[in-house]
C-alpha atoms as a PDB file:
ATOM      1  CA  MET A   1      -0.889  -7.054 -37.402  1.00  0.00           C
ATOM      2  CA  PHE A   2      -2.431  -4.952 -34.737  1.00  0.00           C
ATOM      3  CA  ILE A   3      -0.940  -4.971 -31.238  1.00  0.00           C
ATOM      4  CA  LEU A   4      -2.288  -3.796 -28.103  1.00  0.00           C
ATOM      5  CA  PRO A   5       0.161  -2.308 -25.567  1.00  0.00           C
ATOM      6  CA  PRO A   6       0.026  -3.237 -21.925  1.00  0.00           C
ATOM      7  CA  TRP A   7      -1.842  -0.350 -20.279  1.00  0.00           C
ATOM      8  CA  ARG A   8      -1.046   0.272 -16.683  1.00  0.00           C
ATOM      9  CA  ASP A   9      -4.040   2.628 -15.786  1.00  0.00           C
ATOM     10  CA  ILE A  10      -6.450  -0.131 -16.601  1.00  0.00           C
ATOM     11  CA  TYR A  11      -4.237  -2.909 -14.998  1.00  0.00           C
ATOM     12  CA  HIS A  12      -4.587  -4.113 -11.442  1.00  0.00           C
ATOM     13  CA  THR A  13      -1.297  -5.326 -10.502  1.00  0.00           C
ATOM     14  CA  TYR A  14      -2.518  -8.445  -8.602  1.00  0.00           C
ATOM     15  CA  HIS A  15      -5.692  -8.912 -10.345  1.00  0.00           C
ATOM     16  CA  THR A  16      -6.003 -12.041 -12.530  1.00  0.00           C
ATOM     17  CA  ASP A  17      -9.104 -13.836 -14.033  1.00  0.00           C
ATOM     18  CA  ALA A  18     -10.021 -16.156 -16.575  1.00  0.00           C
ATOM     19  CA  GLU A  19      -9.129 -13.473 -19.357  1.00  0.00           C
ATOM     20  CA  ARG A  20      -6.086 -12.059 -17.741  1.00  0.00           C
ATOM     21  CA  THR A  21      -3.771 -14.391 -16.060  1.00  0.00           C
ATOM     22  CA  GLN A  22      -0.337 -12.441 -16.004  1.00  0.00           C
ATOM     23  CA  ASP A  23       0.798 -10.274 -13.624  1.00  0.00           C
ATOM     24  CA  TRP A  24       1.884  -6.754 -14.901  1.00  0.00           C
ATOM     25  CA  ASN A  25       5.721  -7.657 -15.314  1.00  0.00           C
ATOM     26  CA  GLU A  26       4.774 -10.680 -17.229  1.00  0.00           C
ATOM     27  CA  ALA A  27       2.306  -8.864 -19.494  1.00  0.00           C
ATOM     28  CA  VAL A  28       5.057  -6.420 -20.297  1.00  0.00           C
ATOM     29  CA  PHE A  29       7.529  -8.979 -20.858  1.00  0.00           C
ATOM     30  CA  THR A  30       5.110 -11.005 -23.107  1.00  0.00           C
ATOM     31  CA  TYR A  31       4.327  -7.715 -25.162  1.00  0.00           C
ATOM     32  CA  ASN A  32       7.913  -6.870 -25.798  1.00  0.00           C
ATOM     33  CA  LYS A  33       8.701 -10.408 -26.806  1.00  0.00           C
ATOM     34  CA  MET A  34       5.663 -10.168 -29.318  1.00  0.00           C
ATOM     35  CA  ILE A  35       7.070  -7.262 -30.901  1.00  0.00           C
ATOM     36  CA  GLN A  36      10.479  -8.841 -31.095  1.00  0.00           C
ATOM     37  CA  THR A  37       9.183 -11.998 -32.659  1.00  0.00           C
ATOM     38  CA  ASN A  38       6.959 -10.367 -35.125  1.00  0.00           C
ATOM     39  CA  ARG A  39       9.554  -7.903 -36.439  1.00  0.00           C
ATOM     40  CA  GLY A  40      11.711 -11.030 -36.809  1.00  0.00           C
ATOM     41  CA  TYR A  41       9.258 -12.237 -39.261  1.00  0.00           C
ATOM     42  CA  ASP A  42       8.974  -8.830 -41.088  1.00  0.00           C
ATOM     43  CA  TYR A  43       5.333  -8.449 -40.066  1.00  0.00           C
ATOM     44  CA  GLY A  44       4.180  -4.793 -39.905  1.00  0.00           C
ATOM     45  CA  LEU A  45       2.715  -3.809 -36.553  1.00  0.00           C
ATOM     46  CA  VAL A  46       0.061  -1.188 -35.989  1.00  0.00           C
ATOM     47  CA  GLU A  47      -0.267  -0.227 -32.266  1.00  0.00           C
ATOM     48  CA  VAL A  48      -3.699   0.265 -31.153  1.00  0.00           C
ATOM     49  CA  PRO A  49      -3.813   3.511 -29.086  1.00  0.00           C
ATOM     50  CA  LYS A  50      -4.677   3.489 -25.552  1.00  0.00           C
ATOM     51  CA  ALA A  51      -8.318   4.747 -25.692  1.00  0.00           C
ATOM     52  CA  PRO A  52     -12.111   3.611 -24.614  1.00  0.00           C
ATOM     53  CA  VAL A  53     -13.111   0.308 -26.202  1.00  0.00           C
ATOM     54  CA  GLY A  54     -15.237   1.961 -28.758  1.00  0.00           C
ATOM     55  CA  LYS A  55     -12.292   4.319 -29.923  1.00  0.00           C
ATOM     56  CA  ARG A  56     -10.084   1.345 -30.224  1.00  0.00           C
ATOM     57  CA  ALA A  57     -12.623  -0.405 -32.416  1.00  0.00           C
ATOM     58  CA  ASP A  58     -12.888   2.586 -34.667  1.00  0.00           C
ATOM     59  CA  PHE A  59      -9.368   2.848 -35.165  1.00  0.00           C
ATOM     60  CA  ILE A  60      -8.945  -0.899 -36.060  1.00  0.00           C
ATOM     61  CA  LEU A  61     -11.946  -0.811 -38.343  1.00  0.00           C
ATOM     62  CA  ASP A  62     -10.774   2.528 -40.125  1.00  0.00           C
ATOM     63  CA  ARG A  63      -7.278   0.701 -40.460  1.00  0.00           C
ATOM     64  CA  ILE A  64      -8.650  -2.054 -42.014  1.00  0.00           C
ATOM     65  CA  LYS A  65     -10.835  -0.088 -44.464  1.00  0.00           C
ATOM     66  CA  ARG A  66      -7.888   1.854 -45.641  1.00  0.00           C
ATOM     67  CA  ASN A  67      -5.904  -1.282 -46.577  1.00  0.00           C
END
């Protein structure tokens, strides 16, 4: 399972919109809970690196092709 960590450099603390409704602290809390929950079900997690969108997409596609 792919997981994308919260990324402070691209997150505006007080910015919310239709896609991002959480503040920074809530985003970090949610991320940590997602890790805890998924590991509890023995799901393998693959953290997507903090990189430009194209590189993130390439990373994911490369991992999918290898499996």
